[in-house]
C-alpha atoms as a PDB file:
ATOM      1  CA  MET A   1       9.198   1.605 -25.957  1.00  0.00           C
ATOM      2  CA  THR A   2      12.031   0.605 -23.708  1.00  0.00           C
ATOM      3  CA  SER A   3      10.087   1.002 -20.456  1.00  0.00           C
ATOM      4  CA  GLN A   4      10.893  -1.482 -17.717  1.00  0.00           C
ATOM      5  CA  GLY A   5       7.395  -1.533 -17.175  1.00  0.00           C
ATOM      6  CA  ALA A   6       6.169  -2.332 -20.422  1.00  0.00           C
ATOM      7  CA  ILE A   7       3.530  -4.944 -21.031  1.00  0.00           C
ATOM      8  CA  ASP A   8       2.773  -6.806 -24.397  1.00  0.00           C
ATOM      9  CA  THR A   9      -0.518  -8.219 -25.350  1.00  0.00           C
ATOM     10  CA  GLU A  10      -1.177 -10.331 -28.031  1.00  0.00           C
ATOM     11  CA  LEU A  11      -3.661  -9.062 -30.089  1.00  0.00           C
ATOM     12  CA  GLY A  12      -4.132 -12.209 -33.019  1.00  0.00           C
ATOM     13  CA  ILE A  13      -2.274 -14.043 -35.116  1.00  0.00           C
ATOM     14  CA  LEU A  14      -1.715 -12.249 -38.639  1.00  0.00           C
ATOM     15  CA  LYS A  15      -0.109 -14.828 -40.922  1.00  0.00           C
ATOM     16  CA  THR A  16       0.357 -18.826 -40.905  1.00  0.00           C
ATOM     17  CA  GLY A  17       3.348 -20.670 -42.539  1.00  0.00           C
ATOM     18  CA  LYS A  18       5.076 -23.777 -42.024  1.00  0.00           C
ATOM     19  CA  GLU A  19       8.213 -22.714 -40.262  1.00  0.00           C
ATOM     20  CA  ALA A  20       6.753 -19.481 -38.673  1.00  0.00           C
ATOM     21  CA  ASP A  21       3.647 -17.384 -37.040  1.00  0.00           C
ATOM     22  CA  VAL A  22       3.728 -14.082 -37.406  1.00  0.00           C
ATOM     23  CA  PHE A  23       1.235 -12.325 -34.208  1.00  0.00           C
ATOM     24  CA  LEU A  24       0.326  -9.073 -33.654  1.00  0.00           C
ATOM     25  CA  LEU A  25       1.456  -7.497 -30.451  1.00  0.00           C
ATOM     26  CA  GLU A  26       0.786  -4.227 -28.510  1.00  0.00           C
ATOM     27  CA  ARG A  27       3.666  -3.155 -26.726  1.00  0.00           C
ATOM     28  CA  ALA A  28       2.059  -0.526 -23.598  1.00  0.00           C
ATOM     29  CA  ASP A  29       3.337   0.992 -20.184  1.00  0.00           C
ATOM     30  CA  PRO A  30       0.338   0.905 -18.093  1.00  0.00           C
ATOM     31  CA  HIS A  31       1.997   4.426 -16.543  1.00  0.00           C
ATOM     32  CA  ASP A  32       1.746   5.782 -20.134  1.00  0.00           C
ATOM     33  CA  PRO A  33      -1.482   4.740 -21.801  1.00  0.00           C
ATOM     34  CA  ASP A  34      -1.386   7.198 -24.795  1.00  0.00           C
ATOM     35  CA  GLY A  35       2.364   5.832 -25.478  1.00  0.00           C
ATOM     36  CA  GLY A  36       1.247   2.122 -26.238  1.00  0.00           C
ATOM     37  CA  VAL A  37       3.161   0.590 -30.031  1.00  0.00           C
ATOM     38  CA  ILE A  38       1.721  -1.989 -32.205  1.00  0.00           C
ATOM     39  CA  MET A  39       4.230  -4.656 -33.775  1.00  0.00           C
ATOM     40  CA  ALA A  40       5.031  -8.163 -35.398  1.00  0.00           C
ATOM     41  CA  ALA A  41       6.280 -10.542 -34.098  1.00  0.00           C
ATOM     42  CA  LYS A  42       7.610 -13.901 -36.082  1.00  0.00           C
ATOM     43  CA  ARG A  43       7.871 -16.858 -33.897  1.00  0.00           C
ATOM     44  CA  TYR A  44       9.336 -20.263 -35.221  1.00  0.00           C
ATOM     45  CA  ALA A  45       7.719 -23.474 -34.692  1.00  0.00           C
ATOM     46  CA  THR A  46      10.134 -25.858 -32.653  1.00  0.00           C
ATOM     47  CA  PRO A  47      10.979 -29.305 -34.877  1.00  0.00           C
ATOM     48  CA  THR A  48       8.147 -30.827 -32.813  1.00  0.00           C
ATOM     49  CA  THR A  49       5.707 -28.830 -33.838  1.00  0.00           C
ATOM     50  CA  ALA A  50       6.989 -28.423 -36.933  1.00  0.00           C
ATOM     51  CA  PRO A  51       4.779 -30.144 -40.036  1.00  0.00           C
ATOM     52  CA  SER A  52       7.245 -32.882 -41.556  1.00  0.00           C
ATOM     53  CA  THR A  53       8.423 -32.630 -44.946  1.00  0.00           C
ATOM     54  CA  ALA A  54       8.554 -36.141 -45.732  1.00  0.00           C
ATOM     55  CA  PRO A  55       5.311 -37.811 -47.822  1.00  0.00           C
ATOM     56  CA  PRO A  56       3.021 -40.072 -45.638  1.00  0.00           C
ATOM     57  CA  ALA A  57       4.316 -43.642 -45.269  1.00  0.00           C
ATOM     58  CA  THR A  58       2.118 -46.240 -47.431  1.00  0.00           C
ATOM     59  CA  PRO A  59       1.424 -49.708 -45.760  1.00  0.00           C
ATOM     60  CA  ARG A  60       2.747 -52.471 -48.095  1.00  0.00           C
ATOM     61  CA  ALA A  61       0.916 -55.290 -48.864  1.00  0.00           C
ATOM     62  CA  ALA A  62       1.270 -58.956 -46.480  1.00  0.00           C
ATOM     63  CA  ARG A  63       2.979 -61.108 -48.893  1.00  0.00           C
END
């Protein structure tokens, strides 16, 4: 759909992962209610929201 008035509506999460999530979207034109399409959108996590791959630090005993 290439209408300038198209509106995306997020329908929910389809799949989650370490680096990205896949959402289900409906793109529809309010002037053409029968012309909507369903599609998937992949959103990559930002470095601040992505889970760390480093193992957690273990506390050391005091000497």
